[in-house]
């Protein structure tokens, strides 16, 4: 087993746990729909985060030819997926022990933590580019990070329903464009 093969085990496990968390939340949403006060941005973020988790796993393939690792380099990679897991865990509520599950109330209750973790994840992603890749990402990748980072910062501090709905739609489009431009081919 090579170096990245060894290190990627824990990265893959954490990404798998994040995907599991999201799929479990979505299945609970479907199974308990009679008790759910639906709020589409919460469900939309869960769907978008599934895509982001898969894209993160897809992009990690690019590290396969790296054979020399420092603990700091690996820590930045690991921290990114840990934060992505935390965002996944905050996307939808736990469904047990409640008569009614109010997705909107849960969304705004955890808004600062949810978007704060996204901000930290994006900052760590930029740090990972510097620490592992030797510099900031290319202009398209950097622009994507800065736009999503700015939008998430605003989302963390505002409780405007219109902003959160618009932010989700624009972020969803941005992530799909980002993947189409930078990650359609496994490299």
Protein backbone atom coordinates (compact mmCIF):
# COMPACT_ATOMS: atom_id res chain seq x y z
CA UNK A 1 0.00 0.00 0.00
CA UNK A 2 1.40 3.42 -0.90
CA UNK A 3 1.36 6.51 1.31
CA UNK A 4 -1.88 8.07 0.02
CA UNK A 5 -3.57 4.66 -0.02
CA UNK A 6 -2.85 4.42 3.68
CA UNK A 7 -3.80 8.00 4.55
CA UNK A 8 -6.92 8.02 2.38
CA UNK A 9 -8.58 5.29 4.45
CA UNK A 10 -9.63 7.66 7.24
CA UNK A 11 -10.51 10.39 4.73
CA UNK A 12 -12.78 7.95 2.88
CA UNK A 13 -14.38 6.75 6.12
CA UNK A 14 -15.22 10.31 7.20
CA UNK A 15 -16.60 11.18 3.76
CA UNK A 16 -18.63 7.97 3.87
CA UNK A 17 -20.00 8.90 7.29
CA UNK A 18 -21.02 12.32 5.97
CA UNK A 19 -22.81 10.74 3.02
CA UNK A 20 -24.47 8.25 5.37
CA UNK A 21 -25.58 11.09 7.65
CA UNK A 22 -27.18 12.92 4.72
CA UNK A 23 -28.85 9.83 3.26
CA UNK A 24 -30.18 8.85 6.66
CA UNK A 25 -31.59 12.35 7.15
CA UNK A 26 -33.24 12.30 3.73
CA UNK A 27 -34.74 8.86 4.36
CA UNK A 28 -36.06 10.06 7.76
CA UNK A 29 -37.53 13.09 6.02
CA UNK A 30 -39.39 10.79 3.64
CA UNK A 31 -40.40 8.23 6.26
CA UNK A 32 -41.58 10.81 8.79
CA UNK A 33 -43.07 13.27 6.26
CA UNK A 34 -46.40 13.40 8.13
CA UNK A 35 -44.58 14.90 11.15
CA UNK A 36 -42.40 17.29 9.13
CA UNK A 37 -43.01 20.97 8.55
CA UNK A 38 -41.12 21.14 5.30
CA UNK A 39 -38.62 23.89 4.50
CA UNK A 40 -37.08 23.36 1.09
CA UNK A 41 -33.73 25.10 1.78
CA UNK A 42 -32.94 22.50 4.46
CA UNK A 43 -33.68 19.65 2.05
CA UNK A 44 -31.84 21.51 -0.71
CA UNK A 45 -28.69 21.82 1.39
CA UNK A 46 -28.83 18.10 2.18
CA UNK A 47 -29.00 17.33 -1.55
CA UNK A 48 -26.24 19.80 -2.38
CA UNK A 49 -24.02 18.41 0.37
CA UNK A 50 -24.37 14.92 -1.11
CA UNK A 51 -22.93 16.32 -4.33
CA UNK A 52 -20.18 18.21 -2.46
CA UNK A 53 -19.17 15.08 -0.51
CA UNK A 54 -18.92 13.02 -3.69
CA UNK A 55 -16.98 15.82 -5.41
CA UNK A 56 -14.56 15.98 -2.46
CA UNK A 57 -13.96 12.25 -2.68
CA UNK A 58 -13.54 12.53 -6.47
CA UNK A 59 -11.05 15.40 -6.12
CA UNK A 60 -8.98 13.52 -3.51
CA UNK A 61 -7.92 11.14 -6.28
CA UNK A 62 -5.57 13.92 -7.37
CA UNK A 63 -3.44 13.23 -4.29
CA UNK A 64 -2.67 9.64 -5.29
CA UNK A 65 0.78 10.40 -6.77
CA UNK A 66 1.98 12.28 -3.71
CA UNK A 67 4.39 10.06 -1.78
CA UNK A 68 5.87 12.42 0.79
CA UNK A 69 3.54 13.73 3.47
CA UNK A 70 4.00 15.86 6.56
CA UNK A 71 1.61 15.74 9.46
CA UNK A 72 0.55 19.35 8.69
CA UNK A 73 -0.25 18.48 5.08
CA UNK A 74 -2.33 15.48 6.07
CA UNK A 75 -4.01 17.46 8.86
CA UNK A 76 -5.29 20.05 6.38
CA UNK A 77 -6.73 17.30 4.18
CA UNK A 78 -8.30 15.58 7.18
CA UNK A 79 -9.72 18.81 8.63
CA UNK A 80 -11.51 19.56 5.37
CA UNK A 81 -13.45 16.29 5.45
CA UNK A 82 -14.10 16.57 9.19
CA UNK A 83 -15.70 19.98 8.64
CA UNK A 84 -17.65 18.61 5.69
CA UNK A 85 -18.98 15.86 7.97
CA UNK A 86 -20.02 18.44 10.60
CA UNK A 87 -21.90 20.43 7.95
CA UNK A 88 -23.65 17.22 6.87
CA UNK A 89 -24.57 16.47 10.49
CA UNK A 90 -26.14 19.94 10.88
CA UNK A 91 -28.08 19.91 7.59
CA UNK A 92 -31.12 18.03 8.88
CA UNK A 93 -32.43 17.50 12.42
CA UNK A 94 -32.54 14.32 14.43
CA UNK A 95 -36.05 12.98 13.99
CA UNK A 96 -36.46 11.10 17.27
CA UNK A 97 -38.35 12.36 20.28
CA UNK A 98 -40.30 15.14 18.59
CA UNK A 99 -43.96 15.21 17.66
CA UNK A 100 -43.38 17.73 14.89
CA UNK A 101 -40.11 18.30 13.07
CA UNK A 102 -39.90 21.92 11.95
CA UNK A 103 -37.17 22.08 9.31
CA UNK A 104 -37.23 25.88 9.15
CA UNK A 105 -36.83 26.27 12.91
CA UNK A 106 -34.00 23.73 12.93
CA UNK A 107 -32.31 25.41 9.95
CA UNK A 108 -32.23 28.84 11.57
CA UNK A 109 -31.35 27.40 14.99
CA UNK A 110 -28.16 25.89 13.55
CA UNK A 111 -27.55 28.52 10.82
CA UNK A 112 -24.45 30.07 12.41
CA UNK A 113 -22.79 26.72 13.11
CA UNK A 114 -23.76 25.28 9.71
CA UNK A 115 -22.42 28.19 7.68
CA UNK A 116 -19.55 28.74 10.10
CA UNK A 117 -18.38 25.19 9.38
CA UNK A 118 -18.72 25.86 5.65
CA UNK A 119 -16.56 28.98 6.04
CA UNK A 120 -13.94 27.02 7.99
CA UNK A 121 -14.06 24.19 5.43
CA UNK A 122 -13.47 26.62 2.56
CA UNK A 123 -10.64 28.36 4.43
CA UNK A 124 -9.09 24.96 5.14
CA UNK A 125 -9.46 24.03 1.48
CA UNK A 126 -7.46 27.14 0.55
CA UNK A 127 -4.90 26.34 3.26
CA UNK A 128 -4.66 22.79 1.90
CA UNK A 129 -3.83 24.21 -1.54
CA UNK A 130 -1.00 26.21 0.00
CA UNK A 131 0.32 23.52 2.35
CA UNK A 132 -0.07 20.51 0.03
CA UNK A 133 0.00 22.15 -3.40
CA UNK A 134 2.51 24.91 -2.73
CA UNK A 135 0.26 27.87 -3.54
CA UNK A 136 -3.23 29.18 -3.95
CA UNK A 137 -5.46 27.32 -6.40
CA UNK A 138 -5.90 28.55 -9.97
CA UNK A 139 -8.06 31.60 -10.69
CA UNK A 140 -11.32 29.70 -11.38
CA UNK A 141 -10.94 27.55 -8.28
CA UNK A 142 -9.95 30.54 -6.13
CA UNK A 143 -12.87 32.61 -7.42
CA UNK A 144 -15.28 29.79 -6.59
CA UNK A 145 -13.87 29.55 -3.06
CA UNK A 146 -14.09 33.30 -2.48
CA UNK A 147 -17.67 33.59 -3.78
CA UNK A 148 -18.91 30.64 -1.69
CA UNK A 149 -16.94 31.87 1.31
CA UNK A 150 -18.49 35.34 1.08
CA UNK A 151 -22.00 33.97 0.65
CA UNK A 152 -21.56 31.60 3.61
CA UNK A 153 -20.25 34.40 5.83
CA UNK A 154 -23.37 36.45 5.12
CA UNK A 155 -25.59 33.39 5.61
CA UNK A 156 -24.01 32.76 9.02
CA UNK A 157 -25.05 36.19 10.29
CA UNK A 158 -28.33 36.91 8.53
CA UNK A 159 -31.73 35.43 9.25
CA UNK A 160 -33.31 36.73 6.05
CA UNK A 161 -35.43 33.95 4.62
CA UNK A 162 -35.11 35.44 1.13
CA UNK A 163 -31.31 35.54 1.41
CA UNK A 164 -31.13 31.89 2.50
CA UNK A 165 -33.39 30.71 -0.31
CA UNK A 166 -31.49 32.75 -2.90
CA UNK A 167 -28.13 31.69 -1.46
CA UNK A 168 -29.02 28.01 -1.76
CA UNK A 169 -30.11 28.37 -5.39
CA UNK A 170 -27.03 30.35 -6.37
CA UNK A 171 -24.66 28.08 -4.42
CA UNK A 172 -26.23 25.00 -6.01
CA UNK A 173 -25.66 26.49 -9.48
CA UNK A 174 -22.15 27.58 -8.52
CA UNK A 175 -21.17 24.11 -7.28
CA UNK A 176 -22.54 22.43 -10.41
CA UNK A 177 -20.63 24.89 -12.63
CA UNK A 178 -17.50 24.39 -10.51
CA UNK A 179 -17.70 20.62 -10.97
CA UNK A 180 -18.42 20.94 -14.71
CA UNK A 181 -15.46 23.27 -15.24
CA UNK A 182 -12.85 21.65 -12.97
CA UNK A 183 -13.84 18.09 -12.09
CA UNK A 184 -15.60 16.33 -14.97
CA UNK A 185 -12.56 14.11 -15.61
CA UNK A 186 -10.82 12.05 -12.97
CA UNK A 187 -7.21 13.28 -12.86
